Every structure is written in structure tokens, then in C-alpha cells.
């Protein structure tokens, strides 16, 4: 049976709620930066919070539709890297962030950390990274497995679905998928998630 075509995002009730609110593009852009989501998802997220009276769960700087005041100062990639290198954050922190947030390379992850430092947004980094301890290995994350997840055909949505099915965090779900791939155990993943080569005729 053909799947229902996805409705255009501008017809999504969440997007409409955002569009009819006091929130601006700058607010959505700021949320996208803080939560590492794309701008359309940020607009829908704001709309969802409005519809469900959950605006207090948005970052304080955004609540009520501030227009993104205070973050329009131009910060260059060099500024971001300088902030990273002058901080307590390590290469390991950047590598872990790249794995957790599916950032393509460690340099981009360093810039992301630097940007959070410069804007006073470090609290929006994953807890295990905040403060720049570089001690993630002791906290039990398997970087090889997380890296394998990033390189695999699996997506954030797959990890999100597994997290809901097994009642675990998304990071744990990414790690589990990576471990299953590394060990050749993809068959142990739920059918609706598995992407191994079983699609023959």
C-alpha cells in the first residue's frame, strides 16, 4: 500500500502555531543552534510548545518571542576555535560531541563548543561534556560504537525509535546500534529498525 505523502511543513499545525505567534526567525535560529536541530524543526518545536502550553520548557532567552535579542553579534569561526582552545575542553570532548550530535568532523564540533562558550550557552551541551572534562571514556560511552553509528545507514530517527521501543536515551540507542553493527549482531535489533542486507526477493 502506498505510504501517505508527507504534508508540506507549512501546513503542519505546529508550524502554523509558530507563524501566528510573536516568535521570530531569530528565535527559531537561536533554538536550532542551541538544540542542534534544523531551522524548520526549531519552528515546529516552538509551535508545539505554544500549542501545549509548554513554552516554559524553551530556553529562557527565547521564551515569549524575544526576537533573539543579544545574539546578533557576528562571531567568526576563528573566534569559535579560539574560545575552544582557550577553554578546558579537549579533543576528546569535541570527538564525543561529534558522535553524539552527528557532526561530520571534529573541527566543526570544536567550533560548536566555542560558539556555546562565547554565547554563554554551555548548559545546552550534553551533560557529559559540560565544563570540558575530557573524561567521557570513564563514563562508559563506546566511542568506536558511536562512530560506527555515524558512518552507518542508520539515522537519528532510527535511534529515536529504538530509544522509545526500549525506553533508553537516544545516545544509548546510537551506541547499541553501533555495537550491533561492530559485532555483526544487527539481526538482534527490532525488525522496524534493522537495515541489514535482508531485503532480497
N, C-alpha and C. Protein backbone atom coordinates (compact mmCIF):
# COMPACT_ATOMS: atom_id res chain seq x y z
N UNK A 1 0.85 -1.19 0.00
CA UNK A 1 0.00 0.00 0.00
C UNK A 1 0.89 1.24 0.00
N UNK A 2 0.60 2.23 -0.88
CA UNK A 2 1.47 3.40 -0.92
C UNK A 2 1.38 4.19 0.38
N UNK A 3 2.50 4.72 0.80
CA UNK A 3 2.51 5.48 2.04
C UNK A 3 1.93 6.87 1.77
N UNK A 4 1.30 7.42 2.78
CA UNK A 4 0.71 8.74 2.65
C UNK A 4 1.82 9.77 2.47
N UNK A 5 1.63 10.65 1.49
CA UNK A 5 2.64 11.68 1.24
C UNK A 5 2.72 12.59 2.46
N UNK A 6 3.94 12.97 2.81
CA UNK A 6 4.12 13.84 3.97
C UNK A 6 3.60 15.23 3.63
N UNK A 7 2.83 15.81 4.56
CA UNK A 7 2.28 17.13 4.27
C UNK A 7 3.38 18.17 4.27
N UNK A 8 3.23 19.22 3.44
CA UNK A 8 4.25 20.28 3.43
C UNK A 8 4.38 20.87 4.83
N UNK A 9 5.59 21.23 5.22
CA UNK A 9 5.79 21.66 6.61
C UNK A 9 4.96 22.90 6.95
N UNK A 10 4.67 23.75 5.95
CA UNK A 10 3.91 24.97 6.25
C UNK A 10 2.44 24.68 6.53
N UNK A 11 1.99 23.43 6.24
CA UNK A 11 0.62 23.05 6.59
C UNK A 11 0.56 22.33 7.94
N UNK A 12 1.71 22.08 8.53
CA UNK A 12 1.78 21.43 9.84
C UNK A 12 1.22 22.39 10.89
N UNK A 13 0.34 21.87 11.76
CA UNK A 13 -0.29 22.73 12.77
C UNK A 13 0.74 23.38 13.68
N UNK A 14 1.86 22.66 13.92
CA UNK A 14 2.90 23.23 14.79
C UNK A 14 3.54 24.45 14.12
N UNK A 15 3.78 24.33 12.81
CA UNK A 15 4.38 25.45 12.08
C UNK A 15 3.43 26.64 12.06
N UNK A 16 2.13 26.35 11.89
CA UNK A 16 1.14 27.42 11.87
C UNK A 16 1.12 28.16 13.22
N UNK A 17 1.20 27.37 14.30
CA UNK A 17 1.21 27.99 15.63
C UNK A 17 2.42 28.91 15.79
N UNK A 18 3.56 28.45 15.29
CA UNK A 18 4.77 29.30 15.33
C UNK A 18 4.55 30.56 14.50
N UNK A 19 4.04 30.40 13.26
CA UNK A 19 3.91 31.52 12.33
C UNK A 19 2.94 32.59 12.85
N UNK A 20 1.97 32.17 13.65
CA UNK A 20 0.97 33.11 14.16
C UNK A 20 1.36 33.68 15.52
N UNK A 21 2.56 33.36 15.99
CA UNK A 21 2.99 33.79 17.33
C UNK A 21 3.90 35.01 17.25
N UNK A 22 4.40 35.43 18.42
CA UNK A 22 5.36 36.54 18.49
C UNK A 22 6.78 36.10 18.21
N UNK A 23 6.99 34.78 18.04
CA UNK A 23 8.34 34.28 17.81
C UNK A 23 8.81 34.66 16.41
N UNK A 24 10.09 34.92 16.30
CA UNK A 24 10.67 35.37 15.03
C UNK A 24 11.63 34.32 14.49
N UNK A 25 12.08 34.58 13.27
CA UNK A 25 13.09 33.71 12.65
C UNK A 25 14.32 33.63 13.56
N UNK A 26 14.69 34.77 14.16
CA UNK A 26 15.87 34.78 15.05
C UNK A 26 15.70 33.83 16.23
N UNK A 27 14.47 33.78 16.77
CA UNK A 27 14.21 32.84 17.88
C UNK A 27 14.40 31.40 17.41
N UNK A 28 13.85 31.09 16.23
CA UNK A 28 13.98 29.73 15.70
C UNK A 28 15.44 29.41 15.40
N UNK A 29 16.16 30.41 14.87
CA UNK A 29 17.58 30.20 14.56
C UNK A 29 18.37 29.95 15.83
N UNK A 30 18.05 30.70 16.87
CA UNK A 30 18.75 30.51 18.15
C UNK A 30 18.44 29.13 18.73
N UNK A 31 17.17 28.72 18.69
CA UNK A 31 16.81 27.40 19.20
C UNK A 31 17.52 26.30 18.39
N UNK A 32 17.56 26.47 17.07
CA UNK A 32 18.24 25.49 16.22
C UNK A 32 19.70 25.36 16.63
N UNK A 33 20.33 26.49 16.92
CA UNK A 33 21.74 26.47 17.33
C UNK A 33 21.91 25.81 18.70
N UNK A 34 21.01 26.13 19.63
CA UNK A 34 21.14 25.60 20.99
C UNK A 34 20.87 24.10 21.07
N UNK A 35 19.89 23.64 20.31
CA UNK A 35 19.44 22.25 20.41
C UNK A 35 19.94 21.39 19.25
N UNK A 36 20.77 21.98 18.38
CA UNK A 36 21.36 21.24 17.26
C UNK A 36 20.29 20.57 16.39
N UNK A 37 19.31 21.37 15.99
CA UNK A 37 18.28 20.90 15.07
C UNK A 37 18.21 21.86 13.90
N UNK A 38 17.55 21.47 12.81
CA UNK A 38 17.47 22.40 11.68
C UNK A 38 16.38 23.44 11.94
N UNK A 39 16.37 24.50 11.12
CA UNK A 39 15.52 25.66 11.39
C UNK A 39 14.04 25.31 11.31
N UNK A 40 13.66 24.41 10.39
CA UNK A 40 12.25 24.03 10.26
C UNK A 40 11.80 23.26 11.50
N UNK A 41 12.67 22.33 11.97
CA UNK A 41 12.35 21.59 13.20
C UNK A 41 12.23 22.56 14.37
N UNK A 42 13.08 23.59 14.41
CA UNK A 42 13.04 24.57 15.50
C UNK A 42 11.71 25.31 15.49
N UNK A 43 11.24 25.70 14.30
CA UNK A 43 9.95 26.39 14.20
C UNK A 43 8.82 25.48 14.67
N UNK A 44 8.85 24.22 14.25
CA UNK A 44 7.81 23.27 14.67
C UNK A 44 7.87 23.03 16.18
N UNK A 45 9.09 22.98 16.72
CA UNK A 45 9.25 22.77 18.16
C UNK A 45 8.64 23.92 18.94
N UNK A 46 8.92 25.15 18.49
CA UNK A 46 8.32 26.32 19.15
C UNK A 46 6.79 26.24 19.05
N UNK A 47 6.28 25.88 17.86
CA UNK A 47 4.84 25.76 17.68
C UNK A 47 4.23 24.72 18.61
N UNK A 48 4.91 23.58 18.74
CA UNK A 48 4.44 22.51 19.62
C UNK A 48 4.35 23.00 21.06
N UNK A 49 5.40 23.73 21.49
CA UNK A 49 5.41 24.24 22.87
C UNK A 49 4.27 25.23 23.09
N UNK A 50 3.99 26.08 22.07
CA UNK A 50 2.89 27.04 22.19
C UNK A 50 1.56 26.29 22.31
N UNK A 51 1.33 25.33 21.41
CA UNK A 51 0.06 24.59 21.37
C UNK A 51 -0.20 23.84 22.67
N UNK A 52 0.86 23.36 23.30
CA UNK A 52 0.70 22.54 24.51
C UNK A 52 1.01 23.29 25.79
N UNK A 53 1.10 24.63 25.67
CA UNK A 53 1.39 25.48 26.84
C UNK A 53 2.65 25.03 27.59
N UNK A 54 3.69 24.76 26.79
CA UNK A 54 4.96 24.29 27.36
C UNK A 54 6.10 25.26 27.06
N UNK A 55 5.76 26.52 26.84
CA UNK A 55 6.80 27.49 26.47
C UNK A 55 7.88 27.64 27.54
N UNK A 56 7.48 27.33 28.79
CA UNK A 56 8.48 27.45 29.86
C UNK A 56 9.59 26.41 29.72
N UNK A 57 9.39 25.41 28.83
CA UNK A 57 10.44 24.42 28.59
C UNK A 57 11.42 24.86 27.51
N UNK A 58 11.13 25.99 26.86
CA UNK A 58 12.09 26.55 25.90
C UNK A 58 13.19 27.27 26.67
N UNK A 59 14.37 27.45 26.05
CA UNK A 59 15.43 28.21 26.72
C UNK A 59 14.92 29.61 27.09
N UNK A 60 15.37 30.12 28.22
CA UNK A 60 14.89 31.41 28.74
C UNK A 60 15.02 32.53 27.72
N UNK A 61 16.13 32.54 26.98
CA UNK A 61 16.38 33.63 26.03
C UNK A 61 15.33 33.69 24.94
N UNK A 62 14.59 32.60 24.74
CA UNK A 62 13.64 32.52 23.64
C UNK A 62 12.20 32.71 24.11
N UNK A 63 11.91 32.33 25.34
CA UNK A 63 10.53 32.32 25.84
C UNK A 63 9.81 33.63 25.56
N UNK A 64 8.62 33.53 24.98
CA UNK A 64 7.80 34.70 24.73
C UNK A 64 8.08 35.37 23.40
N UNK A 65 9.11 34.94 22.69
CA UNK A 65 9.42 35.55 21.40
C UNK A 65 10.26 36.79 21.53
N UNK A 66 11.49 36.59 21.93
CA UNK A 66 12.38 37.72 22.20
C UNK A 66 12.98 38.32 20.94
N UNK A 67 12.81 37.63 19.81
CA UNK A 67 13.47 38.11 18.60
C UNK A 67 14.94 37.80 18.60
N UNK A 68 15.37 36.92 19.50
CA UNK A 68 16.78 36.54 19.53
C UNK A 68 17.68 37.66 20.00
N UNK A 69 17.13 38.59 20.79
CA UNK A 69 17.94 39.72 21.24
C UNK A 69 19.22 39.26 21.89
N UNK A 70 20.31 39.91 21.54
CA UNK A 70 21.57 39.67 22.22
C UNK A 70 22.44 38.63 21.56
N UNK A 71 21.99 38.02 20.46
CA UNK A 71 22.88 37.05 19.84
C UNK A 71 23.20 37.42 18.39
N UNK A 72 23.00 38.73 18.05
CA UNK A 72 23.22 39.13 16.68
C UNK A 72 24.66 39.62 16.44
N UNK A 73 25.51 39.55 17.45
CA UNK A 73 26.91 39.91 17.26
C UNK A 73 27.56 38.84 16.38
N UNK A 74 28.27 39.28 15.36
CA UNK A 74 28.88 38.32 14.44
C UNK A 74 30.08 37.65 15.09
N UNK A 75 30.01 36.34 15.20
CA UNK A 75 31.10 35.55 15.76
C UNK A 75 31.69 34.74 14.61
N UNK A 76 32.98 34.87 14.40
CA UNK A 76 33.62 34.18 13.28
C UNK A 76 34.03 32.77 13.69
N UNK A 77 34.26 31.88 12.71
CA UNK A 77 34.77 30.54 13.03
C UNK A 77 36.08 30.60 13.80
N UNK A 78 36.92 31.62 13.49
CA UNK A 78 38.19 31.77 14.21
C UNK A 78 37.93 32.08 15.68
N UNK A 79 36.93 32.96 15.94
CA UNK A 79 36.57 33.28 17.33
C UNK A 79 36.13 32.01 18.07
N UNK A 80 35.34 31.18 17.37
CA UNK A 80 34.83 29.95 17.98
C UNK A 80 35.98 29.00 18.33
N UNK A 81 36.92 28.85 17.39
CA UNK A 81 38.07 27.96 17.65
C UNK A 81 38.94 28.50 18.76
N UNK A 82 39.16 29.84 18.76
CA UNK A 82 39.96 30.45 19.84
C UNK A 82 39.32 30.16 21.19
N UNK A 83 37.99 30.32 21.27
CA UNK A 83 37.29 30.08 22.53
C UNK A 83 37.45 28.63 22.96
N UNK A 84 37.37 27.71 22.00
CA UNK A 84 37.55 26.29 22.32
C UNK A 84 38.95 26.04 22.86
N UNK A 85 39.98 26.53 22.15
CA UNK A 85 41.36 26.24 22.53
C UNK A 85 41.77 26.93 23.83
N UNK A 86 41.07 28.02 24.19
CA UNK A 86 41.39 28.72 25.44
C UNK A 86 40.55 28.21 26.61
N UNK A 87 39.81 27.13 26.38
CA UNK A 87 38.92 26.58 27.42
C UNK A 87 39.50 25.29 27.99
N UNK A 88 38.72 24.68 28.89
CA UNK A 88 39.12 23.39 29.46
C UNK A 88 38.72 22.22 28.59
N UNK A 89 38.01 22.50 27.48
CA UNK A 89 37.55 21.41 26.61
C UNK A 89 38.73 20.80 25.86
N UNK A 90 38.62 19.50 25.63
CA UNK A 90 39.71 18.76 24.99
C UNK A 90 39.26 18.21 23.64
N UNK A 91 40.23 17.67 22.91
CA UNK A 91 39.92 17.00 21.65
C UNK A 91 38.89 15.90 21.89
N UNK A 92 39.05 15.19 23.00
CA UNK A 92 38.12 14.10 23.32
C UNK A 92 36.69 14.60 23.49
N UNK A 93 36.54 15.79 24.12
CA UNK A 93 35.20 16.37 24.26
C UNK A 93 34.60 16.66 22.88
N UNK A 94 35.42 17.23 22.00
CA UNK A 94 34.94 17.56 20.65
C UNK A 94 34.59 16.29 19.88
N UNK A 95 35.40 15.26 20.06
CA UNK A 95 35.15 13.99 19.36
C UNK A 95 33.85 13.36 19.86
N UNK A 96 33.63 13.44 21.16
CA UNK A 96 32.39 12.89 21.72
C UNK A 96 31.19 13.68 21.23
N UNK A 97 31.29 15.01 21.22
CA UNK A 97 30.19 15.83 20.74
C UNK A 97 29.87 15.50 19.28
N UNK A 98 30.90 15.34 18.47
CA UNK A 98 30.70 14.98 17.05
C UNK A 98 29.91 13.69 16.94
N UNK A 99 30.22 12.72 17.80
CA UNK A 99 29.50 11.43 17.78
C UNK A 99 28.06 11.59 18.25
N UNK A 100 27.86 12.34 19.32
CA UNK A 100 26.54 12.48 19.92
C UNK A 100 25.57 13.26 19.04
N UNK A 101 26.09 14.29 18.39
CA UNK A 101 25.23 15.17 17.61
C UNK A 101 25.36 14.95 16.10
N UNK A 102 26.03 13.88 15.68
CA UNK A 102 26.20 13.58 14.26
C UNK A 102 26.83 14.74 13.49
N UNK A 103 27.83 15.36 14.10
CA UNK A 103 28.58 16.43 13.41
C UNK A 103 29.66 15.76 12.58
N UNK A 104 29.81 16.21 11.33
CA UNK A 104 30.66 15.49 10.38
C UNK A 104 32.13 15.42 10.75
N UNK A 105 32.68 16.46 11.37
CA UNK A 105 34.09 16.36 11.73
C UNK A 105 34.37 17.06 13.06
N UNK A 106 35.52 16.74 13.62
CA UNK A 106 35.87 17.22 14.96
C UNK A 106 36.08 18.73 14.98
N UNK A 107 36.58 19.29 13.86
CA UNK A 107 36.78 20.75 13.82
C UNK A 107 35.44 21.47 13.97
N UNK A 108 34.40 20.97 13.29
CA UNK A 108 33.07 21.57 13.41
C UNK A 108 32.56 21.45 14.85
N UNK A 109 32.86 20.31 15.48
CA UNK A 109 32.44 20.12 16.88
C UNK A 109 33.17 21.12 17.79
N UNK A 110 34.45 21.37 17.51
CA UNK A 110 35.20 22.37 18.30
C UNK A 110 34.57 23.75 18.14
N UNK A 111 34.17 24.08 16.90
CA UNK A 111 33.53 25.38 16.66
C UNK A 111 32.20 25.46 17.41
N UNK A 112 31.46 24.35 17.43
CA UNK A 112 30.17 24.32 18.12
C UNK A 112 30.38 24.58 19.61
N UNK A 113 31.38 23.93 20.19
CA UNK A 113 31.68 24.15 21.62
C UNK A 113 32.11 25.60 21.84
N UNK A 114 32.97 26.11 20.95
CA UNK A 114 33.42 27.50 21.06
C UNK A 114 32.27 28.48 20.99
N UNK A 115 31.31 28.21 20.11
CA UNK A 115 30.15 29.08 19.97
C UNK A 115 29.31 29.08 21.25
N UNK A 116 29.15 27.91 21.85
CA UNK A 116 28.39 27.82 23.11
C UNK A 116 29.10 28.61 24.21
N UNK A 117 30.45 28.51 24.25
CA UNK A 117 31.22 29.24 25.27
C UNK A 117 31.01 30.74 25.09
N UNK A 118 31.19 31.23 23.86
CA UNK A 118 31.12 32.67 23.58
C UNK A 118 29.74 33.25 23.89
N UNK A 119 28.70 32.45 23.71
CA UNK A 119 27.34 32.95 23.93
C UNK A 119 26.80 32.63 25.32
N UNK A 120 27.62 31.94 26.15
CA UNK A 120 27.15 31.58 27.48
C UNK A 120 26.09 30.49 27.46
N UNK A 121 26.21 29.58 26.48
CA UNK A 121 25.21 28.53 26.30
C UNK A 121 25.75 27.15 26.62
N UNK A 122 26.77 27.06 27.43
CA UNK A 122 27.38 25.74 27.69
C UNK A 122 26.39 24.76 28.31
N UNK A 123 25.37 25.28 29.00
CA UNK A 123 24.40 24.37 29.63
C UNK A 123 23.60 23.59 28.59
N UNK A 124 23.68 24.01 27.31
CA UNK A 124 22.96 23.28 26.26
C UNK A 124 23.82 22.21 25.61
N UNK A 125 25.06 22.09 26.05
CA UNK A 125 25.88 20.96 25.60
C UNK A 125 25.48 19.71 26.38
N UNK A 126 25.74 18.52 25.83
CA UNK A 126 25.45 17.30 26.60
C UNK A 126 26.13 17.34 27.97
N UNK A 127 25.43 16.85 28.97
CA UNK A 127 25.94 16.92 30.35
C UNK A 127 27.35 16.37 30.50
N UNK A 128 27.64 15.27 29.81
CA UNK A 128 28.94 14.61 29.98
C UNK A 128 30.08 15.46 29.45
N UNK A 129 29.76 16.48 28.66
CA UNK A 129 30.79 17.33 28.06
C UNK A 129 30.94 18.63 28.81
N UNK A 130 29.87 19.12 29.41
CA UNK A 130 29.89 20.44 30.04
C UNK A 130 31.07 20.62 30.97
N UNK A 131 31.75 21.73 30.81
CA UNK A 131 32.90 22.03 31.67
C UNK A 131 34.21 21.57 31.10
N UNK A 132 34.17 20.72 30.09
CA UNK A 132 35.40 20.30 29.42
C UNK A 132 36.25 19.35 30.22
N UNK A 133 35.65 18.25 30.67
CA UNK A 133 36.43 17.32 31.50
C UNK A 133 37.28 16.38 30.66
N UNK A 134 36.83 16.09 29.44
CA UNK A 134 37.57 15.13 28.61
C UNK A 134 37.58 13.74 29.21
N UNK A 135 36.66 13.46 30.15
CA UNK A 135 36.68 12.16 30.84
C UNK A 135 35.58 11.22 30.38
N UNK A 136 35.10 11.45 29.15
CA UNK A 136 33.95 10.66 28.71
C UNK A 136 34.22 9.16 28.72
N UNK A 137 35.44 8.75 28.49
CA UNK A 137 35.72 7.31 28.40
C UNK A 137 35.39 6.61 29.71
N UNK A 138 35.60 7.34 30.83
CA UNK A 138 35.30 6.76 32.13
C UNK A 138 33.80 6.68 32.40
N UNK A 139 33.02 7.42 31.59
CA UNK A 139 31.59 7.45 31.81
C UNK A 139 30.86 6.37 31.03
N UNK A 140 31.61 5.52 30.35
CA UNK A 140 31.00 4.36 29.74
C UNK A 140 30.62 4.45 28.29
N UNK A 141 30.81 5.58 27.63
CA UNK A 141 30.48 5.65 26.20
C UNK A 141 31.51 4.88 25.39
N UNK A 142 31.03 4.15 24.40
CA UNK A 142 31.90 3.42 23.49
C UNK A 142 32.02 4.26 22.22
N UNK A 143 33.12 5.02 22.13
CA UNK A 143 33.29 5.95 21.01
C UNK A 143 33.34 5.22 19.68
N UNK A 144 33.94 4.04 19.65
CA UNK A 144 34.01 3.29 18.40
C UNK A 144 32.60 2.94 17.93
N UNK A 145 31.74 2.56 18.86
CA UNK A 145 30.36 2.21 18.50
C UNK A 145 29.59 3.46 18.04
N UNK A 146 29.78 4.58 18.74
CA UNK A 146 29.11 5.82 18.33
C UNK A 146 29.59 6.25 16.95
N UNK A 147 30.90 6.10 16.71
CA UNK A 147 31.45 6.43 15.39
C UNK A 147 30.89 5.53 14.32
N UNK A 148 30.72 4.25 14.63
CA UNK A 148 30.15 3.31 13.66
C UNK A 148 28.71 3.69 13.33
N UNK A 149 27.96 4.13 14.34
CA UNK A 149 26.59 4.59 14.09
C UNK A 149 26.59 5.75 13.10
N UNK A 150 27.47 6.74 13.33
CA UNK A 150 27.53 7.92 12.46
C UNK A 150 27.84 7.52 11.02
N UNK A 151 28.71 6.53 10.84
CA UNK A 151 29.12 6.11 9.50
C UNK A 151 28.13 5.16 8.83
N UNK A 152 27.17 4.67 9.60
CA UNK A 152 26.24 3.64 9.09
C UNK A 152 25.05 4.28 8.38
N UNK A 153 24.21 3.45 7.74
CA UNK A 153 22.99 3.98 7.10
C UNK A 153 21.91 4.37 8.10
N UNK A 154 22.12 4.06 9.39
CA UNK A 154 21.11 4.37 10.39
C UNK A 154 21.05 5.89 10.62
N UNK A 155 19.86 6.36 10.95
CA UNK A 155 19.64 7.79 11.10
C UNK A 155 19.26 8.12 12.55
N UNK A 156 19.17 9.43 12.83
CA UNK A 156 18.71 9.88 14.13
C UNK A 156 17.33 9.30 14.42
N UNK A 157 16.47 9.26 13.38
CA UNK A 157 15.11 8.73 13.58
C UNK A 157 15.12 7.26 14.00
N UNK A 158 16.08 6.49 13.44
CA UNK A 158 16.20 5.09 13.85
C UNK A 158 16.56 5.00 15.33
N UNK A 159 17.53 5.83 15.74
CA UNK A 159 17.95 5.82 17.14
C UNK A 159 16.80 6.28 18.04
N UNK A 160 16.07 7.29 17.59
CA UNK A 160 14.94 7.80 18.36
C UNK A 160 13.87 6.71 18.53
N UNK A 161 13.61 5.98 17.45
CA UNK A 161 12.61 4.90 17.51
C UNK A 161 13.05 3.79 18.45
N UNK A 162 14.34 3.42 18.37
CA UNK A 162 14.85 2.39 19.26
C UNK A 162 14.79 2.85 20.72
N UNK A 163 15.13 4.12 20.94
CA UNK A 163 15.09 4.68 22.29
C UNK A 163 13.68 4.56 22.88
N UNK A 164 12.67 4.84 22.05
CA UNK A 164 11.29 4.74 22.54
C UNK A 164 10.88 3.29 22.76
N UNK A 165 11.29 2.40 21.84
CA UNK A 165 10.92 0.99 21.97
C UNK A 165 11.52 0.36 23.22
N UNK A 166 12.77 0.69 23.49
CA UNK A 166 13.49 0.05 24.60
C UNK A 166 13.59 0.92 25.84
N UNK A 167 12.96 2.11 25.79
CA UNK A 167 12.96 3.02 26.93
C UNK A 167 14.38 3.36 27.40
N UNK A 168 15.19 3.82 26.44
CA UNK A 168 16.56 4.23 26.73
C UNK A 168 16.80 5.60 26.13
N UNK A 169 17.94 6.21 26.43
CA UNK A 169 18.23 7.52 25.84
C UNK A 169 18.65 7.34 24.37
N UNK A 170 18.57 8.43 23.62
CA UNK A 170 18.94 8.37 22.19
C UNK A 170 20.43 8.05 22.04
N UNK A 171 21.25 8.61 22.92
CA UNK A 171 22.69 8.32 22.84
C UNK A 171 22.95 6.83 23.07
N UNK A 172 22.25 6.26 24.07
CA UNK A 172 22.40 4.83 24.32
C UNK A 172 21.93 4.02 23.11
N UNK A 173 20.86 4.50 22.46
CA UNK A 173 20.35 3.79 21.29
C UNK A 173 21.38 3.83 20.15
N UNK A 174 22.01 4.99 19.95
CA UNK A 174 23.05 5.10 18.92
C UNK A 174 24.20 4.14 19.22
N UNK A 175 24.58 4.11 20.50
CA UNK A 175 25.69 3.25 20.91
C UNK A 175 25.34 1.78 20.68
N UNK A 176 24.10 1.39 21.03
CA UNK A 176 23.68 0.00 20.86
C UNK A 176 23.68 -0.38 19.39
N UNK A 177 23.16 0.49 18.54
CA UNK A 177 23.15 0.20 17.10
C UNK A 177 24.58 0.02 16.61
N UNK A 178 25.48 0.91 17.03
CA UNK A 178 26.89 0.80 16.63
C UNK A 178 27.52 -0.50 17.09
N UNK A 179 27.22 -0.89 18.32
CA UNK A 179 27.77 -2.14 18.87
C UNK A 179 27.25 -3.35 18.08
N UNK A 180 25.94 -3.32 17.75
CA UNK A 180 25.36 -4.44 16.99
C UNK A 180 26.03 -4.56 15.62
N UNK A 181 26.30 -3.41 14.99
CA UNK A 181 26.97 -3.44 13.68
C UNK A 181 28.38 -4.01 13.83
N UNK A 182 29.12 -3.50 14.82
CA UNK A 182 30.51 -3.93 15.03
C UNK A 182 30.60 -5.43 15.30
N UNK A 183 29.61 -5.96 16.02
CA UNK A 183 29.63 -7.38 16.39
C UNK A 183 28.90 -8.28 15.40
N UNK A 184 28.38 -7.68 14.31
CA UNK A 184 27.62 -8.48 13.35
C UNK A 184 26.31 -8.98 13.90
N UNK A 185 25.73 -8.22 14.85
CA UNK A 185 24.50 -8.66 15.53
C UNK A 185 23.28 -7.83 15.16
N UNK A 186 23.26 -7.24 13.98
CA UNK A 186 22.13 -6.39 13.62
C UNK A 186 20.80 -7.14 13.66
N UNK A 187 20.86 -8.45 13.47
CA UNK A 187 19.63 -9.26 13.50
C UNK A 187 18.93 -9.16 14.85
N UNK A 188 19.65 -8.73 15.88
CA UNK A 188 19.06 -8.62 17.22
C UNK A 188 18.31 -7.30 17.41
N UNK A 189 18.43 -6.39 16.44
CA UNK A 189 17.69 -5.13 16.52
C UNK A 189 16.24 -5.38 16.11
N UNK A 190 15.29 -4.57 16.59
CA UNK A 190 13.89 -4.75 16.19
C UNK A 190 13.74 -4.67 14.66
N UNK A 191 12.81 -5.44 14.12
CA UNK A 191 12.60 -5.51 12.67
C UNK A 191 12.38 -4.14 12.04
N UNK A 192 11.61 -3.28 12.72
CA UNK A 192 11.26 -1.99 12.12
C UNK A 192 12.46 -1.04 12.04
N UNK A 193 13.54 -1.37 12.70
CA UNK A 193 14.72 -0.51 12.69
C UNK A 193 15.84 -1.09 11.84
N UNK A 194 15.95 -2.41 11.85
CA UNK A 194 17.10 -3.08 11.25
C UNK A 194 17.27 -2.71 9.77
N UNK A 195 18.51 -2.45 9.36
CA UNK A 195 18.81 -2.09 7.98
C UNK A 195 19.84 -3.03 7.36
N UNK A 196 19.98 -4.23 7.92
CA UNK A 196 20.97 -5.16 7.36
C UNK A 196 20.46 -5.72 6.03
N UNK A 197 21.32 -6.46 5.34
CA UNK A 197 21.01 -6.91 3.97
C UNK A 197 20.10 -8.11 3.99
N UNK A 198 18.81 -7.88 4.34
CA UNK A 198 17.87 -9.00 4.32
C UNK A 198 16.73 -8.69 3.37
N UNK A 199 16.97 -7.71 2.48
CA UNK A 199 15.90 -7.24 1.63
C UNK A 199 15.82 -7.99 0.30
N UNK A 200 16.33 -9.17 0.23
CA UNK A 200 16.32 -9.91 -1.04
C UNK A 200 14.91 -10.22 -1.51
N UNK A 201 14.81 -10.79 -2.74
CA UNK A 201 13.49 -11.13 -3.28
C UNK A 201 13.00 -12.42 -2.66
